[in-house]
N, C-alpha and C. Protein backbone atom coordinates (compact mmCIF):
# COMPACT_ATOMS: atom_id res chain seq x y z
N UNK A 1 103.19 141.82 74.13
CA UNK A 1 101.79 142.02 74.47
C UNK A 1 101.49 141.28 75.78
N UNK A 2 100.93 141.99 76.74
CA UNK A 2 100.60 141.38 78.02
C UNK A 2 99.31 140.61 77.88
N UNK A 3 99.32 139.39 78.35
CA UNK A 3 98.14 138.53 78.28
C UNK A 3 97.53 138.38 79.66
N UNK A 4 96.22 138.36 79.71
CA UNK A 4 95.53 138.15 80.98
C UNK A 4 95.20 136.67 81.12
N UNK A 5 94.72 136.31 82.31
CA UNK A 5 94.37 134.91 82.53
C UNK A 5 94.91 134.43 83.84
N UNK A 6 94.26 133.42 84.39
CA UNK A 6 94.68 132.87 85.67
C UNK A 6 95.77 131.83 85.46
N UNK A 7 96.72 131.85 86.34
CA UNK A 7 97.78 130.86 86.31
C UNK A 7 97.85 130.18 87.67
N UNK A 8 98.15 128.90 87.65
CA UNK A 8 98.25 128.17 88.91
C UNK A 8 99.44 128.70 89.70
N UNK A 9 99.22 128.87 90.98
CA UNK A 9 100.28 129.36 91.84
C UNK A 9 101.31 128.27 92.05
N UNK A 10 102.57 128.63 91.79
CA UNK A 10 103.63 127.66 91.94
C UNK A 10 104.20 127.72 93.36
N UNK A 11 104.47 126.57 93.90
CA UNK A 11 105.04 126.52 95.24
C UNK A 11 106.51 126.87 95.18
N UNK A 12 107.03 127.35 96.27
CA UNK A 12 108.45 127.68 96.31
C UNK A 12 108.68 128.99 97.03
N UNK A 13 109.97 129.28 97.29
CA UNK A 13 110.32 130.48 98.05
C UNK A 13 109.86 131.75 97.34
N UNK A 14 110.05 131.82 96.03
CA UNK A 14 109.66 133.03 95.30
C UNK A 14 108.15 133.22 95.29
N UNK A 15 107.42 132.14 95.24
CA UNK A 15 105.96 132.24 95.21
C UNK A 15 105.41 132.78 96.53
N UNK A 16 106.18 132.67 97.59
CA UNK A 16 105.74 133.17 98.91
C UNK A 16 106.49 134.44 99.32
N UNK A 17 107.21 135.03 98.37
CA UNK A 17 107.98 136.24 98.68
C UNK A 17 107.22 137.48 98.25
N UNK A 18 106.75 138.31 99.21
CA UNK A 18 106.02 139.53 98.85
C UNK A 18 106.84 140.46 97.97
N UNK A 19 108.12 140.61 98.28
CA UNK A 19 108.96 141.53 97.49
C UNK A 19 109.08 141.07 96.04
N UNK A 20 109.24 139.75 95.85
CA UNK A 20 109.34 139.21 94.49
C UNK A 20 108.03 139.36 93.74
N UNK A 21 106.92 139.04 94.40
CA UNK A 21 105.61 139.12 93.75
C UNK A 21 105.26 140.56 93.41
N UNK A 22 105.59 141.51 94.29
CA UNK A 22 105.32 142.91 93.99
C UNK A 22 106.18 143.39 92.83
N UNK A 23 107.41 142.89 92.76
CA UNK A 23 108.28 143.26 91.64
C UNK A 23 107.71 142.73 90.33
N UNK A 24 107.21 141.51 90.34
CA UNK A 24 106.58 140.95 89.14
C UNK A 24 105.34 141.75 88.76
N UNK A 25 104.54 142.13 89.76
CA UNK A 25 103.34 142.91 89.50
C UNK A 25 103.70 144.28 88.94
N UNK A 26 104.78 144.87 89.46
CA UNK A 26 105.22 146.17 88.94
C UNK A 26 105.66 146.05 87.49
N UNK A 27 106.37 144.99 87.17
CA UNK A 27 106.78 144.77 85.78
C UNK A 27 105.56 144.69 84.87
N UNK A 28 104.55 143.97 85.32
CA UNK A 28 103.32 143.84 84.55
C UNK A 28 102.65 145.20 84.36
N UNK A 29 102.54 145.97 85.44
CA UNK A 29 101.89 147.28 85.38
C UNK A 29 102.64 148.21 84.42
N UNK A 30 103.95 148.21 84.48
CA UNK A 30 104.74 149.08 83.60
C UNK A 30 104.64 148.65 82.14
N UNK A 31 104.55 147.34 81.90
CA UNK A 31 104.39 146.84 80.53
C UNK A 31 103.04 147.30 79.96
N UNK A 32 101.99 147.18 80.76
CA UNK A 32 100.66 147.61 80.32
C UNK A 32 100.67 149.12 80.08
N UNK A 33 101.28 149.86 80.99
CA UNK A 33 101.36 151.31 80.85
C UNK A 33 102.07 151.68 79.55
N UNK A 34 103.20 151.04 79.27
CA UNK A 34 103.97 151.35 78.07
C UNK A 34 103.18 151.04 76.80
N UNK A 35 102.42 149.96 76.83
CA UNK A 35 101.61 149.60 75.67
C UNK A 35 100.52 150.63 75.40
N UNK A 36 99.91 151.15 76.47
CA UNK A 36 98.83 152.11 76.31
C UNK A 36 99.34 153.51 75.96
N UNK A 37 100.43 153.92 76.58
CA UNK A 37 100.96 155.27 76.36
C UNK A 37 101.78 155.39 75.09
N UNK A 38 102.39 154.28 74.68
CA UNK A 38 103.21 154.34 73.47
C UNK A 38 104.54 155.06 73.71
N UNK A 39 105.30 155.23 72.65
CA UNK A 39 106.62 155.88 72.77
C UNK A 39 106.52 157.39 72.84
N UNK A 40 105.38 157.94 72.47
CA UNK A 40 105.24 159.40 72.46
C UNK A 40 104.66 159.95 73.76
N UNK A 41 104.18 159.09 74.64
CA UNK A 41 103.58 159.55 75.88
C UNK A 41 104.60 159.68 76.99
N UNK A 42 104.23 160.34 78.09
CA UNK A 42 105.15 160.46 79.24
C UNK A 42 105.34 159.13 79.93
N UNK A 43 106.49 158.97 80.57
CA UNK A 43 106.72 157.77 81.35
C UNK A 43 105.81 157.82 82.58
N UNK A 44 105.74 156.70 83.30
CA UNK A 44 104.86 156.66 84.48
C UNK A 44 105.27 157.71 85.50
N UNK A 45 106.58 157.89 85.70
CA UNK A 45 107.03 158.89 86.67
C UNK A 45 106.76 160.31 86.17
N UNK A 46 106.96 160.53 84.88
CA UNK A 46 106.67 161.85 84.33
C UNK A 46 105.19 162.18 84.48
N UNK A 47 104.34 161.18 84.23
CA UNK A 47 102.91 161.40 84.39
C UNK A 47 102.58 161.75 85.84
N UNK A 48 103.22 161.06 86.79
CA UNK A 48 102.97 161.33 88.21
C UNK A 48 103.33 162.76 88.56
N UNK A 49 104.45 163.25 88.02
CA UNK A 49 104.87 164.63 88.29
C UNK A 49 103.89 165.61 87.67
N UNK A 50 103.51 165.37 86.41
CA UNK A 50 102.57 166.26 85.74
C UNK A 50 101.23 166.31 86.49
N UNK A 51 100.76 165.16 86.92
CA UNK A 51 99.48 165.10 87.63
C UNK A 51 99.57 165.81 88.97
N UNK A 52 100.68 165.60 89.69
CA UNK A 52 100.85 166.24 90.99
C UNK A 52 100.92 167.76 90.86
N UNK A 53 101.66 168.25 89.86
CA UNK A 53 101.79 169.69 89.65
C UNK A 53 100.46 170.29 89.20
N UNK A 54 99.68 169.53 88.44
CA UNK A 54 98.38 170.04 87.98
C UNK A 54 97.42 170.23 89.15
N UNK A 55 97.58 169.42 90.19
CA UNK A 55 96.71 169.52 91.36
C UNK A 55 97.02 170.75 92.20
N UNK A 56 98.30 171.14 92.20
CA UNK A 56 98.69 172.32 92.99
C UNK A 56 99.94 172.95 92.37
N UNK A 57 99.73 174.05 91.69
CA UNK A 57 100.85 174.73 91.04
C UNK A 57 101.77 175.33 92.09
N UNK A 58 103.04 175.46 91.74
CA UNK A 58 104.01 176.06 92.64
C UNK A 58 104.62 175.11 93.64
N UNK A 59 104.55 173.81 93.36
CA UNK A 59 105.16 172.83 94.26
C UNK A 59 106.68 172.90 94.19
N UNK A 60 107.32 172.78 95.34
CA UNK A 60 108.78 172.70 95.38
C UNK A 60 109.20 171.25 95.20
N UNK A 61 110.50 171.02 95.10
CA UNK A 61 110.99 169.66 94.94
C UNK A 61 110.63 168.81 96.15
N UNK A 62 110.70 169.39 97.34
CA UNK A 62 110.32 168.66 98.55
C UNK A 62 108.85 168.27 98.51
N UNK A 63 108.01 169.18 98.04
CA UNK A 63 106.57 168.89 97.92
C UNK A 63 106.34 167.74 96.94
N UNK A 64 107.08 167.76 95.83
CA UNK A 64 106.90 166.72 94.81
C UNK A 64 107.36 165.35 95.30
N UNK A 65 108.41 165.34 96.12
CA UNK A 65 108.87 164.07 96.70
C UNK A 65 107.75 163.46 97.54
N UNK A 66 107.09 164.29 98.35
CA UNK A 66 106.00 163.81 99.19
C UNK A 66 104.78 163.40 98.36
N UNK A 67 104.50 164.15 97.30
CA UNK A 67 103.31 163.90 96.50
C UNK A 67 103.44 162.67 95.59
N UNK A 68 104.64 162.40 95.12
CA UNK A 68 104.82 161.31 94.15
C UNK A 68 105.52 160.08 94.72
N UNK A 69 106.27 160.25 95.82
CA UNK A 69 107.03 159.12 96.36
C UNK A 69 108.33 158.86 95.62
N UNK A 70 108.66 159.70 94.64
CA UNK A 70 109.92 159.54 93.90
C UNK A 70 111.05 160.10 94.76
N UNK A 71 112.17 159.37 94.83
CA UNK A 71 113.26 159.84 95.68
C UNK A 71 113.83 161.16 95.16
N UNK A 72 114.44 161.92 96.06
CA UNK A 72 114.84 163.29 95.77
C UNK A 72 115.81 163.41 94.60
N UNK A 73 116.84 162.58 94.55
CA UNK A 73 117.83 162.69 93.48
C UNK A 73 117.22 162.37 92.12
N UNK A 74 116.39 161.31 92.07
CA UNK A 74 115.73 160.95 90.81
C UNK A 74 114.78 162.06 90.38
N UNK A 75 114.06 162.62 91.35
CA UNK A 75 113.09 163.67 91.03
C UNK A 75 113.79 164.92 90.49
N UNK A 76 114.92 165.27 91.08
CA UNK A 76 115.65 166.46 90.63
C UNK A 76 116.05 166.31 89.16
N UNK A 77 116.57 165.13 88.81
CA UNK A 77 116.96 164.88 87.42
C UNK A 77 115.73 164.87 86.50
N UNK A 78 114.65 164.29 87.00
CA UNK A 78 113.41 164.20 86.22
C UNK A 78 112.84 165.59 85.92
N UNK A 79 112.78 166.44 86.93
CA UNK A 79 112.26 167.79 86.75
C UNK A 79 113.14 168.59 85.78
N UNK A 80 114.45 168.40 85.90
CA UNK A 80 115.36 169.10 84.99
C UNK A 80 115.11 168.71 83.54
N UNK A 81 114.95 167.40 83.28
CA UNK A 81 114.72 166.93 81.92
C UNK A 81 113.35 167.37 81.40
N UNK A 82 112.34 167.35 82.28
CA UNK A 82 111.00 167.77 81.87
C UNK A 82 110.95 169.28 81.60
N UNK A 83 111.76 170.04 82.35
CA UNK A 83 111.85 171.48 82.11
C UNK A 83 112.53 171.74 80.76
N UNK A 84 113.59 170.97 80.51
CA UNK A 84 114.30 171.12 79.23
C UNK A 84 113.40 170.77 78.05
N UNK A 85 112.47 169.83 78.25
CA UNK A 85 111.53 169.45 77.19
C UNK A 85 110.38 170.44 77.04
N UNK A 86 110.29 171.38 77.98
CA UNK A 86 109.23 172.37 77.92
C UNK A 86 107.94 171.95 78.56
N UNK A 87 107.96 170.86 79.35
CA UNK A 87 106.74 170.38 80.00
C UNK A 87 106.47 171.11 81.32
N UNK A 88 107.53 171.62 81.92
CA UNK A 88 107.42 172.32 83.20
C UNK A 88 108.12 173.67 83.12
N UNK A 89 107.62 174.61 83.91
CA UNK A 89 108.28 175.90 84.09
C UNK A 89 108.74 175.99 85.53
N UNK A 90 109.96 176.49 85.72
CA UNK A 90 110.47 176.65 87.08
C UNK A 90 110.63 178.12 87.42
N UNK A 91 110.34 178.45 88.67
CA UNK A 91 110.48 179.81 89.15
C UNK A 91 110.82 179.76 90.62
N UNK A 92 111.28 180.88 91.14
CA UNK A 92 111.61 180.92 92.57
C UNK A 92 110.33 180.87 93.39
N UNK A 93 110.36 180.04 94.44
CA UNK A 93 109.18 179.87 95.28
C UNK A 93 108.86 181.15 96.03
N UNK A 94 107.57 181.47 96.10
CA UNK A 94 107.15 182.66 96.85
C UNK A 94 107.20 182.42 98.35
N UNK A 95 107.25 181.15 98.77
CA UNK A 95 107.28 180.80 100.19
C UNK A 95 108.69 180.61 100.71
N UNK A 96 109.61 180.20 99.83
CA UNK A 96 110.99 179.95 100.23
C UNK A 96 111.91 180.42 99.11
N UNK A 97 112.61 181.52 99.36
CA UNK A 97 113.46 182.11 98.33
C UNK A 97 114.57 181.17 97.88
N UNK A 98 114.91 180.18 98.71
CA UNK A 98 115.99 179.26 98.35
C UNK A 98 115.51 178.12 97.47
N UNK A 99 114.20 177.92 97.38
CA UNK A 99 113.65 176.78 96.64
C UNK A 99 113.07 177.23 95.29
N UNK A 100 113.02 176.26 94.37
CA UNK A 100 112.43 176.50 93.06
C UNK A 100 111.07 175.80 93.01
N UNK A 101 110.06 176.53 92.54
CA UNK A 101 108.72 175.97 92.39
C UNK A 101 108.49 175.63 90.92
N UNK A 102 107.65 174.64 90.67
CA UNK A 102 107.38 174.23 89.29
C UNK A 102 105.91 174.39 88.96
N UNK A 103 105.64 174.70 87.70
CA UNK A 103 104.28 174.83 87.19
C UNK A 103 104.20 174.13 85.85
N UNK A 104 103.00 173.74 85.47
CA UNK A 104 102.81 173.15 84.15
C UNK A 104 102.92 174.23 83.08
N UNK A 105 103.67 173.94 82.04
CA UNK A 105 103.70 174.83 80.89
C UNK A 105 102.49 174.48 80.01
N UNK A 106 102.30 175.25 78.96
CA UNK A 106 101.21 174.94 78.03
C UNK A 106 101.41 173.57 77.41
N UNK A 107 102.67 173.23 77.10
CA UNK A 107 102.98 171.92 76.52
C UNK A 107 102.74 170.82 77.55
N UNK A 108 103.04 171.11 78.83
CA UNK A 108 102.81 170.14 79.88
C UNK A 108 101.33 169.86 80.09
N UNK A 109 100.52 170.90 80.02
CA UNK A 109 99.07 170.72 80.15
C UNK A 109 98.52 169.88 79.01
N UNK A 110 99.03 170.12 77.79
CA UNK A 110 98.58 169.35 76.63
C UNK A 110 99.00 167.89 76.75
N UNK A 111 100.23 167.66 77.20
CA UNK A 111 100.73 166.30 77.35
C UNK A 111 99.94 165.55 78.39
N UNK A 112 99.59 166.22 79.49
CA UNK A 112 98.82 165.59 80.55
C UNK A 112 97.41 165.25 80.08
N UNK A 113 96.79 166.17 79.36
CA UNK A 113 95.43 165.94 78.86
C UNK A 113 95.39 164.76 77.90
N UNK A 114 96.44 164.63 77.08
CA UNK A 114 96.49 163.52 76.12
C UNK A 114 96.78 162.20 76.81
N UNK A 115 97.54 162.25 77.92
CA UNK A 115 97.94 161.02 78.60
C UNK A 115 96.87 160.45 79.50
N UNK A 116 96.05 161.29 80.10
CA UNK A 116 95.07 160.83 81.09
C UNK A 116 94.18 159.68 80.60
N UNK A 117 93.54 159.78 79.44
CA UNK A 117 92.69 158.67 79.02
C UNK A 117 93.47 157.39 78.77
N UNK A 118 94.71 157.51 78.36
CA UNK A 118 95.55 156.32 78.15
C UNK A 118 95.90 155.66 79.48
N UNK A 119 96.18 156.49 80.48
CA UNK A 119 96.51 155.95 81.81
C UNK A 119 95.28 155.27 82.40
N UNK A 120 94.12 155.87 82.21
CA UNK A 120 92.88 155.25 82.69
C UNK A 120 92.67 153.89 82.03
N UNK A 121 92.97 153.82 80.73
CA UNK A 121 92.84 152.56 80.01
C UNK A 121 93.82 151.52 80.55
N UNK A 122 95.04 151.96 80.86
CA UNK A 122 96.04 151.04 81.42
C UNK A 122 95.58 150.52 82.78
N UNK A 123 95.05 151.42 83.61
CA UNK A 123 94.57 151.01 84.94
C UNK A 123 93.42 150.02 84.83
N UNK A 124 92.54 150.24 83.88
CA UNK A 124 91.41 149.32 83.68
C UNK A 124 91.90 147.94 83.25
N UNK A 125 92.90 147.91 82.41
CA UNK A 125 93.45 146.62 81.98
C UNK A 125 94.06 145.87 83.15
N UNK A 126 94.77 146.59 84.00
CA UNK A 126 95.41 145.94 85.16
C UNK A 126 94.36 145.42 86.12
N UNK A 127 93.36 146.24 86.42
CA UNK A 127 92.31 145.81 87.34
C UNK A 127 91.48 144.67 86.73
N UNK A 128 91.40 144.64 85.40
CA UNK A 128 90.65 143.58 84.72
C UNK A 128 91.28 142.21 84.88
N UNK A 129 92.53 142.17 85.31
CA UNK A 129 93.20 140.89 85.53
C UNK A 129 92.79 140.26 86.86
N UNK A 130 92.08 141.02 87.68
CA UNK A 130 91.66 140.53 89.00
C UNK A 130 90.16 140.28 89.02
N UNK A 131 89.71 139.35 89.84
CA UNK A 131 88.26 139.15 90.01
C UNK A 131 87.63 140.43 90.56
N UNK A 132 86.43 140.75 90.12
CA UNK A 132 85.76 141.98 90.55
C UNK A 132 85.65 142.07 92.06
N UNK A 133 85.40 140.94 92.71
CA UNK A 133 85.19 140.94 94.16
C UNK A 133 86.46 141.31 94.94
N UNK A 134 87.63 141.23 94.28
CA UNK A 134 88.88 141.49 94.99
C UNK A 134 89.51 142.83 94.62
N UNK A 135 88.93 143.57 93.71
CA UNK A 135 89.55 144.79 93.22
C UNK A 135 89.61 145.89 94.28
N UNK A 136 88.53 146.08 95.01
CA UNK A 136 88.53 147.11 96.06
C UNK A 136 89.53 146.78 97.15
N UNK A 137 89.60 145.52 97.53
CA UNK A 137 90.57 145.10 98.55
C UNK A 137 91.99 145.29 98.04
N UNK A 138 92.22 145.01 96.77
CA UNK A 138 93.54 145.18 96.16
C UNK A 138 93.98 146.64 96.26
N UNK A 139 93.09 147.57 95.91
CA UNK A 139 93.42 148.99 95.99
C UNK A 139 93.64 149.43 97.43
N UNK A 140 92.86 148.87 98.34
CA UNK A 140 93.00 149.21 99.75
C UNK A 140 94.37 148.78 100.28
N UNK A 141 94.79 147.58 99.91
CA UNK A 141 96.09 147.09 100.36
C UNK A 141 97.23 147.90 99.74
N UNK A 142 97.09 148.26 98.47
CA UNK A 142 98.11 149.09 97.83
C UNK A 142 98.20 150.45 98.52
N UNK A 143 97.07 151.00 98.90
CA UNK A 143 97.05 152.29 99.60
C UNK A 143 97.75 152.20 100.94
N UNK A 144 97.56 151.09 101.64
CA UNK A 144 98.22 150.90 102.93
C UNK A 144 99.74 150.79 102.76
N UNK A 145 100.18 150.09 101.72
CA UNK A 145 101.61 149.99 101.46
C UNK A 145 102.19 151.35 101.08
N UNK A 146 101.43 152.11 100.28
CA UNK A 146 101.89 153.45 99.89
C UNK A 146 101.99 154.35 101.11
N UNK A 147 101.03 154.24 102.03
CA UNK A 147 101.07 155.05 103.26
C UNK A 147 102.27 154.67 104.12
N UNK A 148 102.60 153.38 104.15
CA UNK A 148 103.78 152.93 104.90
C UNK A 148 105.05 153.49 104.27
N UNK A 149 105.07 153.55 102.95
CA UNK A 149 106.23 154.11 102.25
C UNK A 149 106.37 155.59 102.53
N UNK A 150 105.25 156.31 102.60
CA UNK A 150 105.28 157.74 102.90
C UNK A 150 105.78 158.00 104.31
N UNK A 151 105.42 157.10 105.23
CA UNK A 151 105.80 157.28 106.63
C UNK A 151 107.24 156.87 106.91
N UNK A 152 107.82 156.06 106.04
CA UNK A 152 109.15 155.51 106.29
C UNK A 152 110.23 156.57 106.49
N UNK A 153 110.32 157.62 105.64
CA UNK A 153 111.37 158.63 105.86
C UNK A 153 111.26 159.32 107.20
N UNK A 154 110.04 159.65 107.63
CA UNK A 154 109.86 160.31 108.92
C UNK A 154 110.22 159.37 110.07
N UNK A 155 109.85 158.11 109.94
CA UNK A 155 110.20 157.13 110.97
C UNK A 155 111.71 156.95 111.04
N UNK A 156 112.36 156.95 109.88
CA UNK A 156 113.82 156.81 109.86
C UNK A 156 114.48 158.02 110.53
N UNK A 157 113.95 159.21 110.26
CA UNK A 157 114.49 160.42 110.88
C UNK A 157 114.35 160.37 112.40
N UNK A 158 113.20 159.94 112.87
CA UNK A 158 112.97 159.84 114.32
C UNK A 158 113.86 158.77 114.94
N UNK A 159 114.08 157.68 114.20
CA UNK A 159 114.94 156.61 114.71
C UNK A 159 116.39 157.10 114.84
N UNK A 160 116.85 157.86 113.85
CA UNK A 160 118.21 158.41 113.90
C UNK A 160 118.35 159.38 115.06
N UNK A 161 117.32 160.21 115.25
CA UNK A 161 117.34 161.18 116.36
C UNK A 161 117.37 160.46 117.70
N UNK A 162 116.57 159.39 117.82
CA UNK A 162 116.54 158.63 119.07
C UNK A 162 117.88 157.94 119.34
N UNK A 163 118.51 157.44 118.28
CA UNK A 163 119.81 156.77 118.44
C UNK A 163 120.88 157.77 118.87
N UNK A 164 120.85 158.97 118.31
CA UNK A 164 121.82 159.99 118.71
C UNK A 164 121.65 160.35 120.18
N UNK A 165 120.39 160.46 120.61
CA UNK A 165 120.12 160.77 122.02
C UNK A 165 120.60 159.64 122.92
N UNK A 166 120.38 158.38 122.46
CA UNK A 166 120.82 157.24 123.26
C UNK A 166 122.33 157.23 123.43
N UNK A 167 123.04 157.51 122.35
CA UNK A 167 124.50 157.53 122.41
C UNK A 167 125.00 158.67 123.29
N UNK A 168 124.33 159.81 123.20
CA UNK A 168 124.72 160.95 124.04
C UNK A 168 124.52 160.64 125.51
N UNK A 169 123.37 160.03 125.84
CA UNK A 169 123.10 159.66 127.22
C UNK A 169 124.08 158.59 127.71
N UNK A 170 124.44 157.67 126.81
CA UNK A 170 125.38 156.61 127.19
C UNK A 170 126.76 157.20 127.50
N UNK A 171 127.18 158.19 126.70
CA UNK A 171 128.47 158.84 126.95
C UNK A 171 128.47 159.60 128.28
N UNK A 172 127.33 160.24 128.56
CA UNK A 172 127.23 160.96 129.84
C UNK A 172 127.30 159.99 131.02
N UNK A 173 126.58 158.85 130.88
CA UNK A 173 126.57 157.86 131.95
C UNK A 173 127.96 157.26 132.14
N UNK A 174 128.67 157.01 131.05
CA UNK A 174 130.01 156.44 131.14
C UNK A 174 130.97 157.42 131.80
N UNK A 175 130.82 158.69 131.45
CA UNK A 175 131.67 159.72 132.05
C UNK A 175 131.42 159.84 133.55
N UNK A 176 130.13 159.77 133.92
CA UNK A 176 129.78 159.87 135.34
C UNK A 176 130.29 158.66 136.11
N UNK A 177 130.24 157.46 135.48
CA UNK A 177 130.72 156.25 136.14
C UNK A 177 132.22 156.31 136.37
N UNK A 178 132.96 156.80 135.37
CA UNK A 178 134.42 156.91 135.52
C UNK A 178 134.77 157.88 136.62
N UNK A 179 133.99 158.95 136.69
CA UNK A 179 134.25 159.95 137.73
C UNK A 179 133.99 159.39 139.11
N UNK A 180 132.93 158.54 139.21
CA UNK A 180 132.59 157.96 140.50
C UNK A 180 133.62 156.92 140.93
N UNK A 181 134.21 156.20 139.95
CA UNK A 181 135.18 155.15 140.28
C UNK A 181 136.56 155.71 140.57
N UNK A 182 136.82 156.95 140.21
CA UNK A 182 138.14 157.52 140.41
C UNK A 182 138.39 157.74 141.89
N UNK A 183 139.49 157.17 142.45
CA UNK A 183 139.74 157.32 143.90
C UNK A 183 139.96 158.78 144.27
N UNK A 184 139.41 159.13 145.40
CA UNK A 184 139.55 160.51 145.87
C UNK A 184 140.99 160.74 146.32
N UNK A 185 141.47 161.95 146.07
CA UNK A 185 142.84 162.27 146.47
C UNK A 185 142.95 162.30 148.01
N UNK A 186 144.01 161.64 148.52
CA UNK A 186 144.20 161.61 149.98
C UNK A 186 144.52 163.01 150.47
N UNK A 187 143.87 163.38 151.54
CA UNK A 187 144.10 164.70 152.08
C UNK A 187 145.46 164.75 152.78
N UNK A 188 146.20 165.81 152.53
CA UNK A 188 147.51 165.96 153.16
C UNK A 188 147.31 166.38 154.61
N UNK A 189 148.06 165.72 155.48
CA UNK A 189 147.92 166.10 156.90
C UNK A 189 148.32 167.56 157.13
N UNK A 190 147.61 168.19 158.00
CA UNK A 190 147.89 169.61 158.27
C UNK A 190 149.25 169.74 158.94
N UNK A 191 150.00 170.73 158.52
CA UNK A 191 151.32 170.96 159.10
C UNK A 191 151.16 171.61 160.48
N UNK A 192 151.83 170.99 161.40
CA UNK A 192 151.79 171.56 162.77
C UNK A 192 153.18 172.02 163.16
N UNK A 193 153.22 173.15 163.77
CA UNK A 193 154.52 173.67 164.20
C UNK A 193 154.94 172.98 165.50
N UNK A 194 156.18 172.58 165.55
CA UNK A 194 156.63 171.91 166.79
C UNK A 194 156.54 172.88 167.99
N UNK A 195 156.14 172.32 169.09
CA UNK A 195 156.00 173.17 170.29
C UNK A 195 157.37 173.66 170.74
N UNK A 196 157.42 174.89 171.13
CA UNK A 196 158.68 175.46 171.57
C UNK A 196 159.03 174.95 172.98
N UNK A 197 160.26 174.52 173.12
CA UNK A 197 160.71 174.06 174.44
C UNK A 197 161.06 175.27 175.30
N UNK A 198 160.39 175.38 176.42
CA UNK A 198 160.69 176.58 177.25
C UNK A 198 162.14 176.57 177.75
N UNK A 199 162.74 177.71 177.71
CA UNK A 199 164.15 177.81 178.17
C UNK A 199 164.19 177.75 179.69
N UNK A 200 165.16 177.02 180.23
CA UNK A 200 165.26 176.96 181.70
C UNK A 200 165.56 178.35 182.29
N UNK A 201 164.89 178.64 183.32
CA UNK A 201 165.11 179.96 183.95
C UNK A 201 166.49 180.01 184.60
N UNK A 202 167.25 181.04 184.29
CA UNK A 202 168.60 181.19 184.86
C UNK A 202 168.55 181.69 186.31
N UNK A 203 169.64 181.46 187.07
CA UNK A 203 169.74 181.98 188.46
C UNK A 203 169.78 183.49 188.44
N UNK A 204 169.15 184.07 189.31
CA UNK A 204 169.18 185.52 189.39
C UNK A 204 170.59 185.97 189.71
N UNK A 205 171.06 187.06 189.12
CA UNK A 205 172.42 187.52 189.33
C UNK A 205 172.52 188.14 190.73
């Protein structure tokens, strides 16, 4: 059972580590979520997929990655298991014949409707651990971190593209430098025919 209450901040490296503190906060959030949803409810990631698909039917796996922030390999396995459970229906995308689109099944809609009030209760419990005056700021900061996470893949792609261009330009410059340093071939002197020595004129007969 998760207990609320203020605790004195402990000094030390971990107490000043954002990654550690966020990990602890995530553990707390997942514990509260599990308590509210129980063993029969969807997991937090399953709920995110159900909610995202409910907002726009026919999402592809790429769309779901962007909408939920779940990495592609994990999402593929998640969608497969949710489809096997009958929570999602898959069909060929009308926009891309190579992609599969997902929709909520009747069972998925029922599961989502049952889970929503429990998730709201979990969120209220988590926010209740914070002073009222800091709750809006807390959500604002979380939104900024989520936006940074969404932008990270695109920034990584641009960084890789820029690095490839840099390496290509460096190879061109190196090739040009080697060509400039290569000594020019000495020109062969033109062949000249030796001048003919005039024959001495003989005495007239």
